[in-house]
Protein backbone atom coordinates (compact mmCIF):
# COMPACT_ATOMS: atom_id res chain seq x y z
CA UNK A 1 0.03 -0.10 0.07
CA UNK A 2 1.12 3.68 -0.71
CA UNK A 3 1.72 5.51 2.62
CA UNK A 4 -0.83 8.21 3.46
CA UNK A 5 0.12 11.86 3.04
CA UNK A 6 -1.17 14.95 4.50
CA UNK A 7 -1.62 17.12 7.65
CA UNK A 8 -2.57 15.43 10.83
CA UNK A 9 -5.23 16.93 13.18
CA UNK A 10 -2.49 17.76 15.73
CA UNK A 11 -0.41 19.64 13.26
CA UNK A 12 -3.27 21.64 12.37
CA UNK A 13 -3.94 22.33 15.87
CA UNK A 14 -0.41 23.46 16.63
CA UNK A 15 -0.58 25.68 13.63
CA UNK A 16 -3.71 27.43 14.58
CA UNK A 17 -2.49 27.87 18.14
CA UNK A 18 0.68 29.59 16.93
CA UNK A 19 -1.47 31.77 14.39
CA UNK A 20 -3.76 32.73 17.25
CA UNK A 21 -0.75 33.76 19.42
CA UNK A 22 0.70 35.86 16.53
CA UNK A 23 -2.81 37.67 15.93
CA UNK A 24 -3.23 38.39 19.48
CA UNK A 25 0.32 39.90 19.81
CA UNK A 26 -0.56 42.01 16.84
CA UNK A 27 -3.87 43.14 18.15
CA UNK A 28 -2.04 44.13 21.54
CA UNK A 29 0.58 46.06 19.60
CA UNK A 30 -2.12 47.84 17.67
CA UNK A 31 -3.93 48.61 20.76
CA UNK A 32 -0.80 49.92 22.44
CA UNK A 33 0.16 52.02 19.37
CA UNK A 34 -3.26 53.60 19.10
CA UNK A 35 -3.28 54.48 22.75
CA UNK A 36 0.17 56.14 22.53
CA UNK A 37 -1.00 58.14 19.35
CA UNK A 38 -4.24 59.30 20.96
CA UNK A 39 -2.43 60.26 24.17
CA UNK A 40 0.28 62.10 22.28
CA UNK A 41 -2.11 63.94 20.05
CA UNK A 42 -4.05 65.23 23.09
CA UNK A 43 -0.99 66.16 24.89
CA UNK A 44 0.52 68.11 21.93
CA UNK A 45 -2.62 69.97 21.37
CA UNK A 46 -2.89 70.63 25.21
CA UNK A 47 0.60 72.01 25.62
CA UNK A 48 0.22 74.11 22.31
CA UNK A 49 -3.05 75.58 23.69
CA UNK A 50 -1.78 76.31 27.04
CA UNK A 51 1.11 78.16 25.58
CA UNK A 52 -0.95 80.56 23.43
CA UNK A 53 -3.69 80.95 25.90
CA UNK A 54 -1.19 81.95 28.73
CA UNK A 55 0.45 84.44 26.35
CA UNK A 56 -2.98 85.96 25.44
CA UNK A 57 -3.82 86.07 29.23
CA UNK A 58 -0.62 87.62 30.14
CA UNK A 59 -1.11 90.37 27.39
CA UNK A 60 -4.63 91.18 28.73
CA UNK A 61 -3.58 91.13 32.58
CA UNK A 62 -0.80 93.75 31.72
CA UNK A 63 -3.84 96.29 31.49
CA UNK A 64 -5.24 95.68 34.88
CA UNK A 65 -5.52 98.85 36.84
CA UNK A 66 -4.31 101.01 34.03
CA UNK A 67 -5.54 104.67 34.53
CA UNK A 68 -7.04 104.06 37.81
CA UNK A 69 -5.32 105.72 40.85
CA UNK A 70 -5.72 104.68 43.63
CA UNK A 71 -6.72 100.99 42.81
CA UNK A 72 -9.31 99.62 44.97
CA UNK A 73 -9.02 95.95 45.66
CA UNK A 74 -12.83 95.69 46.65
CA UNK A 75 -13.81 97.03 43.09
CA UNK A 76 -10.65 97.04 40.50
CA UNK A 77 -9.27 93.67 41.13
CA UNK A 78 -10.83 90.67 42.65
CA UNK A 79 -10.25 86.94 42.82
CA UNK A 80 -13.02 84.46 43.25
CA UNK A 81 -13.21 80.79 43.83
CA UNK A 82 -15.91 78.16 43.07
CA UNK A 83 -17.33 80.02 40.11
CA UNK A 84 -19.35 77.73 37.66
CA UNK A 85 -21.04 78.20 34.39
CA UNK A 86 -24.27 78.72 36.33
CA UNK A 87 -22.94 81.39 38.57
CA UNK A 88 -25.21 84.44 37.86
CA UNK A 89 -23.66 86.85 40.35
CA UNK A 90 -19.92 86.94 41.77
CA UNK A 91 -19.34 85.08 44.98
CA UNK A 92 -17.42 86.81 47.81
CA UNK A 93 -14.07 87.97 46.79
CA UNK A 94 -10.91 86.29 48.33
CA UNK A 95 -8.53 88.36 50.64
CA UNK A 96 -5.24 89.06 48.80
CA UNK A 97 -2.21 88.87 50.82
CA UNK A 98 1.55 88.11 50.51
CA UNK A 99 0.54 84.34 50.71
CA UNK A 100 -0.75 83.27 47.40
CA UNK A 101 -4.71 83.23 47.19
CA UNK A 102 -5.92 80.59 44.50
CA UNK A 103 -9.34 80.76 42.73
CA UNK A 104 -10.69 80.11 39.33
CA UNK A 105 -11.96 83.44 38.29
CA UNK A 106 -10.21 86.84 38.40
CA UNK A 107 -12.03 90.18 37.36
CA UNK A 108 -10.21 93.47 36.93
CA UNK A 109 -10.85 97.02 35.54
CA UNK A 110 -8.89 99.59 33.62
CA UNK A 111 -9.42 103.09 32.22
CA UNK A 112 -7.91 104.17 28.89
CA UNK A 113 -10.15 106.97 28.48
CA UNK A 114 -13.17 105.01 29.11
CA UNK A 115 -13.86 102.30 31.69
CA UNK A 116 -13.46 98.63 30.69
CA UNK A 117 -13.22 95.37 32.54
CA UNK A 118 -12.43 91.75 31.99
CA UNK A 119 -12.77 88.37 33.49
CA UNK A 120 -10.49 85.13 33.43
CA UNK A 121 -12.59 82.07 34.20
CA UNK A 122 -11.18 78.52 34.49
CA UNK A 123 -14.01 75.92 34.49
CA UNK A 124 -13.61 72.85 36.81
CA UNK A 125 -13.66 70.62 33.70
CA UNK A 126 -10.69 72.29 32.17
CA UNK A 127 -9.66 75.23 29.81
CA UNK A 128 -9.66 79.03 30.49
CA UNK A 129 -12.13 81.53 29.20
CA UNK A 130 -11.80 85.25 28.75
CA UNK A 131 -14.66 87.86 28.81
CA UNK A 132 -14.61 91.67 28.42
CA UNK A 133 -17.03 94.57 29.04
CA UNK A 134 -17.05 98.28 28.79
CA UNK A 135 -18.85 101.51 29.89
CA UNK A 136 -21.56 101.38 32.70
CA UNK A 137 -21.42 97.66 32.50
CA UNK A 138 -18.01 98.00 34.43
CA UNK A 139 -19.14 100.08 37.35
CA UNK A 140 -18.90 96.98 39.48
CA UNK A 141 -18.16 93.40 39.37
CA UNK A 142 -21.70 92.74 39.77
CA UNK A 143 -22.93 94.78 36.89
CA UNK A 144 -20.23 93.31 34.65
CA UNK A 145 -21.10 89.74 35.72
CA UNK A 146 -24.62 90.19 34.05
CA UNK A 147 -22.89 90.65 30.58
CA UNK A 148 -20.67 87.59 30.98
CA UNK A 149 -22.00 84.45 29.67
CA UNK A 150 -20.03 82.01 31.50
CA UNK A 151 -21.28 78.69 29.61
CA UNK A 152 -20.41 80.45 26.44
CA UNK A 153 -18.55 78.01 24.06
CA UNK A 154 -17.05 81.09 22.16
CA UNK A 155 -14.89 82.61 24.86
CA UNK A 156 -12.03 80.06 25.27
CA UNK A 157 -8.42 81.15 25.55
CA UNK A 158 -7.57 77.51 26.18
CA UNK A 159 -10.29 75.06 25.11
CA UNK A 160 -10.61 71.99 27.38
CA UNK A 161 -8.70 68.93 26.43
CA UNK A 162 -11.62 66.60 26.99
CA UNK A 163 -15.39 66.80 25.99
CA UNK A 164 -17.64 67.75 28.65
CA UNK A 165 -18.51 64.71 30.72
CA UNK A 166 -15.97 62.39 28.82
CA UNK A 167 -13.96 59.84 30.71
CA UNK A 168 -10.15 60.68 30.32
CA UNK A 169 -8.06 57.96 28.70
CA UNK A 170 -5.31 56.54 30.81
CA UNK A 171 -2.38 58.90 31.31
CA UNK A 172 -4.39 61.96 30.37
CA UNK A 173 -5.55 64.63 32.90
CA UNK A 174 -8.03 67.33 32.34
CA UNK A 175 -6.26 70.66 31.63
CA UNK A 176 -7.71 72.35 34.69
CA UNK A 177 -6.11 76.04 35.06
CA UNK A 178 -5.68 77.57 38.65
CA UNK A 179 -5.52 81.38 39.22
CA UNK A 180 -3.35 82.58 42.05
CA UNK A 181 -2.66 86.22 43.15
CA UNK A 182 -0.30 87.47 45.69
CA UNK A 183 1.35 90.65 46.92
CA UNK A 184 5.12 91.22 46.55
CA UNK A 185 7.41 94.12 47.05
CA UNK A 186 8.36 96.46 44.00
CA UNK A 187 11.67 94.69 43.44
CA UNK A 188 9.72 91.28 42.91
CA UNK A 189 7.48 92.81 40.23
CA UNK A 190 9.64 93.51 37.15
CA UNK A 191 7.72 92.89 33.89
CA UNK A 192 10.09 92.07 31.15
CA UNK A 193 13.06 92.77 33.60
CA UNK A 194 12.04 96.58 33.89
CA UNK A 195 11.59 98.02 37.11
CA UNK A 196 8.27 99.60 37.67
CA UNK A 197 8.41 103.45 38.18
CA UNK A 198 7.17 105.19 41.46
CA UNK A 199 3.74 106.25 40.80
CA UNK A 200 2.76 109.98 40.13
CA UNK A 201 2.14 111.74 42.46
CA UNK A 202 4.96 110.22 44.37
CA UNK A 203 3.88 108.46 47.84
CA UNK A 204 5.48 108.70 50.97
CA UNK A 205 5.87 104.92 50.91
CA UNK A 206 9.27 104.07 49.53
CA UNK A 207 8.39 100.43 48.90
CA UNK A 208 4.97 100.29 47.43
CA UNK A 209 3.24 96.89 47.07
CA UNK A 210 2.79 95.17 43.68
CA UNK A 211 0.57 92.31 42.73
CA UNK A 212 1.39 89.16 40.53
CA UNK A 213 -0.89 86.67 38.97
CA UNK A 214 0.21 83.17 38.32
CA UNK A 215 -1.68 80.81 35.96
CA UNK A 216 -0.94 77.00 36.38
CA UNK A 217 -1.87 73.94 34.61
CA UNK A 218 -0.50 70.37 34.43
CA UNK A 219 1.63 69.66 31.64
CA UNK A 220 0.65 66.79 29.20
CA UNK A 221 3.54 64.72 30.81
CA UNK A 222 1.77 64.65 34.05
CA UNK A 223 0.02 61.45 34.91
CA UNK A 224 -1.32 62.31 38.40
CA UNK A 225 -2.29 65.87 39.73
CA UNK A 226 0.35 67.56 41.80
CA UNK A 227 3.20 69.97 41.51
CA UNK A 228 5.28 67.74 39.10
CA UNK A 229 5.12 68.74 35.49
CA UNK A 230 3.01 71.78 36.45
CA UNK A 231 3.50 74.68 34.12
CA UNK A 232 3.33 78.32 35.43
CA UNK A 233 2.88 81.70 33.91
CA UNK A 234 3.50 84.66 36.21
CA UNK A 235 2.31 88.13 35.27
CA UNK A 236 3.44 91.26 37.30
CA UNK A 237 0.60 93.88 37.40
CA UNK A 238 2.76 96.93 37.22
CA UNK A 239 0.00 99.38 37.09
CA UNK A 240 -1.18 98.63 40.42
CA UNK A 241 0.52 100.31 43.35
CA UNK A 242 -0.65 99.76 47.01
CA UNK A 243 0.74 101.05 50.26
CA UNK A 244 2.73 98.58 52.04
């Protein structure tokens, strides 16, 4: 008899097992590559938006207190905490001191021939919004607040890196911004390295107090919230001179 030729069932099972292992390994590699690509894309957009948003915020903050002398911290510059899209009126402003006070909304006024005002607002879900008003709407924070549509989707300086209500992928944190304000001496407030001049008329106080504003947000490299990989942007409010 001629010997039988072909593939035994055992050989087929071994071949199928090896094939399944290869397929599973390829699927795992694809999943890992896809995750890395998505995380990298979100991170790159987050860091780019943070840089441009912080630069825009710095430019706007430079005008705080301009044309107003003396500045009243109960009217011309106020920091708030726990502001939400649904906040129809401003909450009680935080007290500013040499120890940094942190919140999620900052209101300020300026006068370049006409009174105007602005608000930086950092929603709890991430991102940073910027609002402006002018004229009688800036008589107080309360009147200005009524013109700010906090839930507007058109006011983003830094858009959120995650859709509202979405679950963050592993390794991605919501780009929440914090706003801190602190008092400092004149020597500690030198925008672009230029010492701010003594206000006119000159005061008897040889060491007037300045204010600095710091915006902070986690870098895309951060995997847990904390001080590691936190990116900061500090602005000296050189137009504001307070008695020490």
